Protein backbone atom coordinates (compact mmCIF):
# COMPACT_ATOMS: atom_id res chain seq x y z
CA MET A 1 -41.75 -95.50 36.53
CA LEU A 2 -42.11 -93.01 33.68
CA VAL A 3 -45.53 -92.44 32.17
CA ASN A 4 -45.50 -90.45 28.93
CA GLY A 5 -42.17 -88.96 29.96
CA GLN A 6 -43.23 -87.96 33.49
CA TRP A 7 -41.95 -89.61 36.67
CA SER A 8 -44.80 -91.32 38.53
CA ALA A 9 -44.83 -92.46 42.16
CA GLU A 10 -42.03 -93.90 44.21
CA TRP A 11 -39.96 -96.89 43.12
CA HIS A 12 -41.38 -100.33 43.87
CA PRO A 13 -39.72 -103.66 42.99
CA VAL A 14 -42.82 -105.55 41.88
CA GLN A 15 -43.38 -104.43 38.29
CA ALA A 16 -46.28 -106.73 37.45
CA THR A 17 -47.76 -110.03 38.61
CA ASP A 18 -49.26 -113.07 36.90
CA LYS A 19 -52.54 -114.74 37.89
CA GLN A 20 -50.83 -116.62 40.72
CA GLY A 21 -49.22 -113.46 42.17
CA GLY A 22 -45.84 -114.22 40.64
CA PHE A 23 -43.28 -111.56 39.78
CA VAL A 24 -43.19 -110.54 36.08
CA ARG A 25 -40.21 -108.59 34.74
CA GLN A 26 -40.56 -105.67 32.34
CA THR A 27 -39.45 -106.25 28.75
CA SER A 28 -36.57 -104.02 27.61
CA SER A 29 -37.54 -101.17 25.30
CA PHE A 30 -34.44 -100.18 23.34
CA ARG A 31 -33.13 -103.00 21.16
CA HIS A 32 -30.84 -101.40 18.56
CA TRP A 33 -27.59 -103.10 17.52
CA ILE A 34 -23.99 -101.99 17.11
CA SER A 35 -22.20 -103.40 14.08
CA HIS A 36 -18.57 -103.36 12.85
CA ASP A 37 -19.58 -103.91 9.18
CA GLY A 38 -21.79 -100.86 8.59
CA SER A 39 -25.02 -102.88 8.60
CA THR A 40 -26.67 -100.65 11.24
CA GLU A 41 -26.70 -96.93 11.98
CA PHE A 42 -24.74 -97.65 15.16
CA ALA A 43 -21.24 -98.24 13.89
CA ALA A 44 -18.45 -99.64 16.06
CA GLU A 45 -16.20 -96.68 16.78
CA PRO A 46 -13.78 -95.91 19.63
CA ASP A 47 -15.12 -93.55 22.34
CA ARG A 48 -18.58 -93.40 20.78
CA TYR A 49 -20.44 -95.48 23.37
CA HIS A 50 -20.98 -95.23 27.10
CA LEU A 51 -22.30 -97.78 29.62
CA TYR A 52 -24.47 -96.77 32.55
CA VAL A 53 -24.43 -99.51 35.20
CA ALA A 54 -25.19 -100.32 38.80
CA LEU A 55 -22.73 -102.54 40.68
CA ILE A 56 -25.62 -103.97 42.69
CA CYS A 57 -27.29 -105.21 39.51
CA PRO A 58 -26.48 -108.62 38.06
CA TRP A 59 -27.80 -107.66 34.60
CA ALA A 60 -25.55 -104.60 34.44
CA SER A 61 -22.60 -106.52 35.82
CA ARG A 62 -22.87 -108.95 32.89
CA THR A 63 -21.99 -106.09 30.56
CA LEU A 64 -19.09 -104.88 32.72
CA ILE A 65 -17.54 -108.34 32.68
CA ALA A 66 -17.90 -108.66 28.87
CA ARG A 67 -16.41 -105.18 28.43
CA SER A 68 -13.42 -106.28 30.48
CA LEU A 69 -12.93 -109.69 28.86
CA LYS A 70 -13.14 -108.19 25.40
CA GLY A 71 -10.62 -105.46 26.26
CA LEU A 72 -13.05 -102.64 25.48
CA GLN A 73 -12.28 -100.47 28.54
CA SER A 74 -10.63 -97.78 26.44
CA VAL A 75 -13.35 -97.97 23.76
CA ILE A 76 -16.46 -97.78 25.95
CA SER A 77 -16.59 -95.40 28.92
CA VAL A 78 -18.67 -96.17 32.07
CA SER A 79 -20.73 -94.40 34.70
CA VAL A 80 -21.84 -96.12 37.94
CA VAL A 81 -25.04 -95.12 39.71
CA GLU A 82 -25.32 -95.04 43.50
CA PRO A 83 -26.30 -98.37 45.02
CA GLN A 84 -29.35 -97.31 46.99
CA LEU A 85 -32.66 -97.22 45.17
CA GLY A 86 -34.52 -94.00 46.01
CA GLU A 87 -37.99 -92.70 45.26
CA GLN A 88 -36.84 -91.82 41.75
CA GLY A 89 -35.00 -95.05 41.10
CA TRP A 90 -31.30 -95.06 40.17
CA GLY A 91 -29.41 -91.85 40.83
CA PHE A 92 -25.90 -90.49 40.32
CA GLY A 93 -23.81 -89.07 43.15
CA ASP A 94 -20.73 -89.30 45.35
CA TYR A 95 -21.21 -92.64 47.14
CA PRO A 96 -17.84 -94.50 47.14
CA GLY A 97 -17.56 -96.52 43.97
CA ALA A 98 -20.24 -94.47 42.17
CA ASN A 99 -19.93 -91.23 40.24
CA ARG A 100 -21.81 -88.34 38.80
CA ASP A 101 -23.05 -88.27 35.22
CA THR A 102 -20.43 -86.02 33.70
CA LEU A 103 -21.46 -87.07 30.18
CA ASN A 104 -25.10 -85.95 30.17
CA GLY A 105 -25.42 -84.14 33.52
CA ALA A 106 -28.36 -86.25 34.69
CA ARG A 107 -29.21 -86.56 38.36
CA TYR A 108 -31.37 -89.61 37.86
CA LEU A 109 -31.16 -92.42 35.31
CA HIS A 110 -34.73 -91.83 34.18
CA GLU A 111 -33.64 -88.48 32.73
CA LEU A 112 -31.62 -90.37 30.15
CA TYR A 113 -34.67 -92.33 29.09
CA THR A 114 -36.69 -89.18 28.42
CA ARG A 115 -33.71 -87.63 26.65
CA ALA A 116 -33.77 -90.61 24.27
CA ALA A 117 -37.60 -90.69 24.03
CA ALA A 118 -39.50 -87.70 25.45
CA ASP A 119 -42.75 -89.66 25.85
CA PHE A 120 -41.16 -92.83 27.23
CA THR A 121 -43.40 -95.06 29.40
CA GLY A 122 -41.77 -97.74 31.52
CA ARG A 123 -39.04 -98.33 34.07
CA ALA A 124 -35.63 -96.76 33.86
CA THR A 125 -33.39 -99.81 34.18
CA VAL A 126 -29.69 -100.59 33.98
CA PRO A 127 -27.65 -101.33 31.99
CA VAL A 128 -27.97 -98.57 29.41
CA LEU A 129 -25.73 -98.51 26.38
CA TRP A 130 -25.60 -94.86 25.27
CA ASP A 131 -24.54 -93.43 21.92
CA LYS A 132 -22.55 -90.17 22.47
CA LYS A 133 -22.74 -89.33 18.77
CA LEU A 134 -26.50 -89.64 18.27
CA ASN A 135 -27.26 -88.72 21.90
CA THR A 136 -29.63 -91.64 22.44
CA ILE A 137 -29.98 -95.07 24.01
CA VAL A 138 -28.77 -97.90 21.79
CA ASN A 139 -29.91 -100.77 23.98
CA ASN A 140 -31.03 -101.49 27.54
CA GLU A 141 -31.24 -105.27 27.33
CA SER A 142 -28.24 -106.90 29.03
CA ALA A 143 -28.44 -110.10 26.93
CA ASP A 144 -28.20 -108.05 23.74
CA ILE A 145 -25.38 -105.87 25.04
CA LEU A 146 -23.44 -108.93 26.15
CA ARG A 147 -23.51 -110.28 22.60
CA MET A 148 -22.77 -106.91 21.04
CA LEU A 149 -19.67 -106.54 23.17
CA ASN A 150 -18.59 -110.01 22.10
CA SER A 151 -18.97 -109.61 18.35
CA GLY A 152 -20.14 -106.10 17.46
CA PHE A 153 -16.84 -104.24 17.79
CA GLY A 154 -14.66 -106.17 15.35
CA THR A 155 -10.95 -105.41 15.63
CA LEU A 156 -11.56 -102.91 18.43
CA ALA A 157 -12.17 -105.88 20.73
CA ASP A 158 -9.76 -108.49 22.08
CA ASP A 159 -10.28 -111.86 20.47
CA ARG A 160 -8.91 -113.95 23.38
CA TYR A 161 -12.45 -114.75 24.46
CA ASP A 162 -15.29 -115.73 22.15
CA LEU A 163 -18.25 -115.74 24.50
CA TYR A 164 -20.65 -117.12 21.92
CA PRO A 165 -18.69 -119.50 19.66
CA ALA A 166 -20.54 -120.94 16.69
CA ALA A 167 -19.91 -124.55 17.72
CA LEU A 168 -21.62 -124.01 21.10
CA GLN A 169 -24.42 -121.56 20.23
CA GLN A 170 -27.25 -124.10 20.29
CA GLU A 171 -26.09 -125.47 23.64
CA ILE A 172 -25.52 -121.99 25.07
CA ASP A 173 -29.00 -120.88 24.07
CA ALA A 174 -30.55 -124.00 25.63
CA LEU A 175 -28.72 -123.60 28.93
CA ASN A 176 -29.45 -119.85 29.03
CA ASP A 177 -33.14 -120.59 28.49
CA ARG A 178 -33.13 -122.91 31.51
CA ILE A 179 -30.97 -120.90 33.92
CA TYR A 180 -32.69 -117.54 33.30
CA PRO A 181 -36.23 -118.33 34.49
CA ARG A 182 -35.26 -120.85 37.16
CA LEU A 183 -32.23 -119.08 38.72
CA ASN A 184 -31.24 -115.68 37.30
CA ASN A 185 -34.83 -114.41 37.45
CA GLY A 186 -35.88 -117.21 39.76
CA VAL A 187 -34.35 -115.50 42.80
CA TYR A 188 -36.40 -112.37 41.99
CA ARG A 189 -39.52 -114.47 41.45
CA THR A 190 -38.90 -115.85 44.93
CA GLY A 191 -38.06 -112.58 46.68
CA PHE A 192 -40.83 -110.52 45.04
CA ALA A 193 -43.58 -113.15 45.11
CA THR A 194 -46.89 -111.84 46.39
CA THR A 195 -48.50 -115.20 47.25
CA GLN A 196 -47.29 -118.32 49.08
CA GLN A 197 -47.98 -120.43 46.01
CA SER A 198 -45.85 -118.34 43.65
CA TYR A 199 -43.07 -118.13 46.25
CA GLN A 200 -42.91 -121.89 46.81
CA GLN A 201 -42.90 -122.62 43.08
CA ALA A 202 -40.05 -120.17 42.42
CA PHE A 203 -38.17 -121.37 45.51
CA THR A 204 -38.31 -124.98 44.33
CA GLU A 205 -37.06 -124.06 40.88
CA VAL A 206 -34.14 -122.03 42.25
CA PHE A 207 -32.76 -124.93 44.26
CA SER A 208 -33.55 -127.53 41.66
CA GLU A 209 -31.47 -125.56 39.18
CA LEU A 210 -28.63 -125.11 41.67
CA ASP A 211 -28.67 -128.91 42.28
CA ASP A 212 -28.54 -129.51 38.54
CA LEU A 213 -25.64 -127.15 38.05
CA GLU A 214 -23.76 -128.71 40.95
CA ALA A 215 -24.16 -132.09 39.22
CA ARG A 216 -23.01 -130.63 35.86
CA LEU A 217 -19.72 -129.67 37.45
CA SER A 218 -19.14 -133.14 38.90
CA ASP A 219 -16.64 -134.08 36.21
CA GLY A 220 -14.24 -131.36 37.35
CA ARG A 221 -14.75 -129.01 34.40
CA THR A 222 -13.70 -125.39 35.03
CA PHE A 223 -16.61 -123.72 33.26
CA LEU A 224 -20.12 -124.81 32.23
CA PHE A 225 -18.96 -125.99 28.79
CA GLY A 226 -15.58 -127.36 29.83
CA GLU A 227 -12.50 -125.14 29.61
CA HIS A 228 -14.08 -122.51 27.33
CA LEU A 229 -15.60 -119.57 29.21
CA THR A 230 -18.86 -118.43 27.53
CA GLU A 231 -21.59 -115.90 28.05
CA THR A 232 -23.54 -118.52 30.05
CA ASP A 233 -20.76 -118.51 32.66
CA ILE A 234 -21.08 -114.72 32.97
CA ARG A 235 -24.87 -115.01 33.31
CA LEU A 236 -24.54 -117.63 36.03
CA PHE A 237 -21.66 -115.96 37.88
CA VAL A 238 -23.48 -112.66 38.50
CA THR A 239 -26.29 -114.53 40.29
CA LEU A 240 -24.02 -116.87 42.27
CA VAL A 241 -21.79 -114.06 43.60
CA ARG A 242 -24.87 -112.32 45.02
CA PHE A 243 -26.57 -115.43 46.40
CA ASP A 244 -25.26 -115.62 49.94
CA VAL A 245 -24.97 -111.84 50.22
CA ALA A 246 -28.56 -111.00 49.29
CA TYR A 247 -30.77 -113.74 47.85
CA HIS A 248 -30.31 -116.28 50.66
CA GLY A 249 -31.58 -113.95 53.39
CA LEU A 250 -33.43 -110.96 51.95
CA PHE A 251 -35.07 -112.90 49.10
CA LYS A 252 -35.90 -115.92 51.28
CA CYS A 253 -33.86 -118.35 49.14
CA ASN A 254 -32.76 -120.00 52.36
CA LEU A 255 -32.78 -123.77 51.82
CA ARG A 256 -29.04 -123.76 51.27
CA ARG A 257 -26.23 -121.27 50.80
CA LEU A 258 -23.89 -121.30 47.86
CA HIS A 259 -21.24 -122.20 50.45
CA ASP A 260 -23.14 -125.53 50.85
CA TYR A 261 -22.47 -126.43 47.16
CA PRO A 262 -18.78 -127.41 47.01
CA ARG A 263 -18.59 -127.56 43.19
CA LEU A 264 -20.42 -124.34 42.62
CA SER A 265 -18.24 -122.69 45.24
CA ARG A 266 -15.13 -123.93 43.37
CA TYR A 267 -16.68 -122.68 40.13
CA LEU A 268 -17.24 -119.23 41.64
CA LYS A 269 -13.59 -119.10 42.65
CA SER A 270 -12.56 -120.06 39.13
CA MET A 271 -14.64 -117.25 37.68
CA LEU A 272 -13.22 -114.75 40.16
CA ALA A 273 -9.71 -115.86 39.11
CA VAL A 274 -10.35 -114.81 35.50
CA SER A 275 -8.61 -111.49 34.88
CA GLY A 276 -11.06 -108.63 34.89
CA VAL A 277 -13.96 -110.40 36.60
CA ARG A 278 -13.26 -109.70 40.28
CA GLU A 279 -13.01 -105.95 39.61
CA THR A 280 -16.70 -105.90 38.65
CA VAL A 281 -17.81 -107.16 42.07
CA ASN A 282 -18.51 -104.69 44.86
CA ILE A 283 -19.99 -106.38 47.97
CA ASP A 284 -20.75 -103.03 49.62
CA HIS A 285 -22.81 -101.85 46.65
CA ILE A 286 -24.63 -105.17 46.44
CA LYS A 287 -25.62 -105.09 50.11
CA GLN A 288 -26.40 -101.35 50.18
CA GLY A 289 -28.54 -101.72 47.06
CA TYR A 290 -30.59 -104.77 47.85
CA TYR A 291 -31.13 -103.84 51.51
CA SER A 292 -32.35 -100.39 50.48
CA ILE A 293 -35.48 -101.96 48.95
CA LYS A 294 -38.11 -100.80 51.44
CA ALA A 295 -40.65 -103.41 50.39
CA LEU A 296 -38.27 -106.11 51.56
CA ASN A 297 -36.37 -104.29 54.30
CA PRO A 298 -38.44 -101.36 55.66
CA ASN A 299 -35.99 -100.40 58.43
CA GLY A 300 -33.04 -100.23 55.99
CA ILE A 301 -30.68 -102.18 58.22
CA VAL A 302 -27.73 -103.56 56.26
CA PRO A 303 -26.32 -106.81 57.71
CA VAL A 304 -22.62 -107.07 58.56
CA GLY A 305 -22.35 -110.59 57.13
CA PRO A 306 -22.07 -112.96 55.46
CA ASP A 307 -18.41 -113.91 55.58
CA MET A 308 -17.25 -114.10 51.90
CA SER A 309 -13.54 -114.42 52.71
CA GLU A 310 -13.36 -117.92 51.21
CA TYR A 311 -13.87 -116.22 47.85
CA GLY A 312 -11.50 -113.36 48.63
CA LEU A 313 -14.49 -110.96 48.82
CA GLN A 314 -15.52 -108.72 51.67
CA ASP A 315 -17.52 -105.61 52.51
CA THR A 316 -14.69 -103.34 53.55
CA ARG A 317 -17.09 -100.63 54.84
CA HIS A 318 -19.04 -102.82 57.23
CA ALA A 319 -16.82 -105.82 58.08
């Protein structure tokens, strides 16, 4: 992490723990907002903003999906970090599917954080929404960025999808508040637990939530709120598409596979069929990234499986 603007020690996945040894995630530091009505200093303008993402990362992938669904590809440019996490965290380079930072010339993502705040203390995480005009970070909280991409760009965005419609906002917030700790972050609480007690509690919550979601889909609905795709679907999808690939084995979430949930498997296929979603999924990056975490996989061996062909997904480099 960065301490007063200086890089300190090698990267480690466990950021902090609670009294039971449970994994605690860092709170995002930059929480500015883009507006299309002039109400903030960050105005919605074409080619003003840039997204820094990792294809391994579910939080960053949320923003890529929203960018695609809202038709903002020509408005917001993107850089992809390399999938492996090194001693200085996320880095830019020539790994297939990644690229160099031609915008700011950074070698490591943490350089962007100190460019935005010279004395920054904390982790350099993705996604990062960067303002090319003011040369700073607008926001590094994926939940915020997801909503900004939905409503902050006005007529620059496609209105085919409203990911946070007024009529569903209360229900969306309630389901988000349940899925996030129990499943989205629950898999991390399981994988990065430092005691048996904290592991078993997180493990139980992960599969309880998967069971509940399987039941929710029992009426044949396409998405979580019927036929209307919302931000909650995006938040769930990015976890589900990584479940069998990484969380089941490496994170010890091994009671069942996603494959063992027929309705959730159907749901995943429905999400992948939405135009612009499949392009955000890179199985090779997901595997290379998660299995590069030395604390969980000290020998760095990347498994050949699992077989994801039922979803039309595969690791073309290692299959």
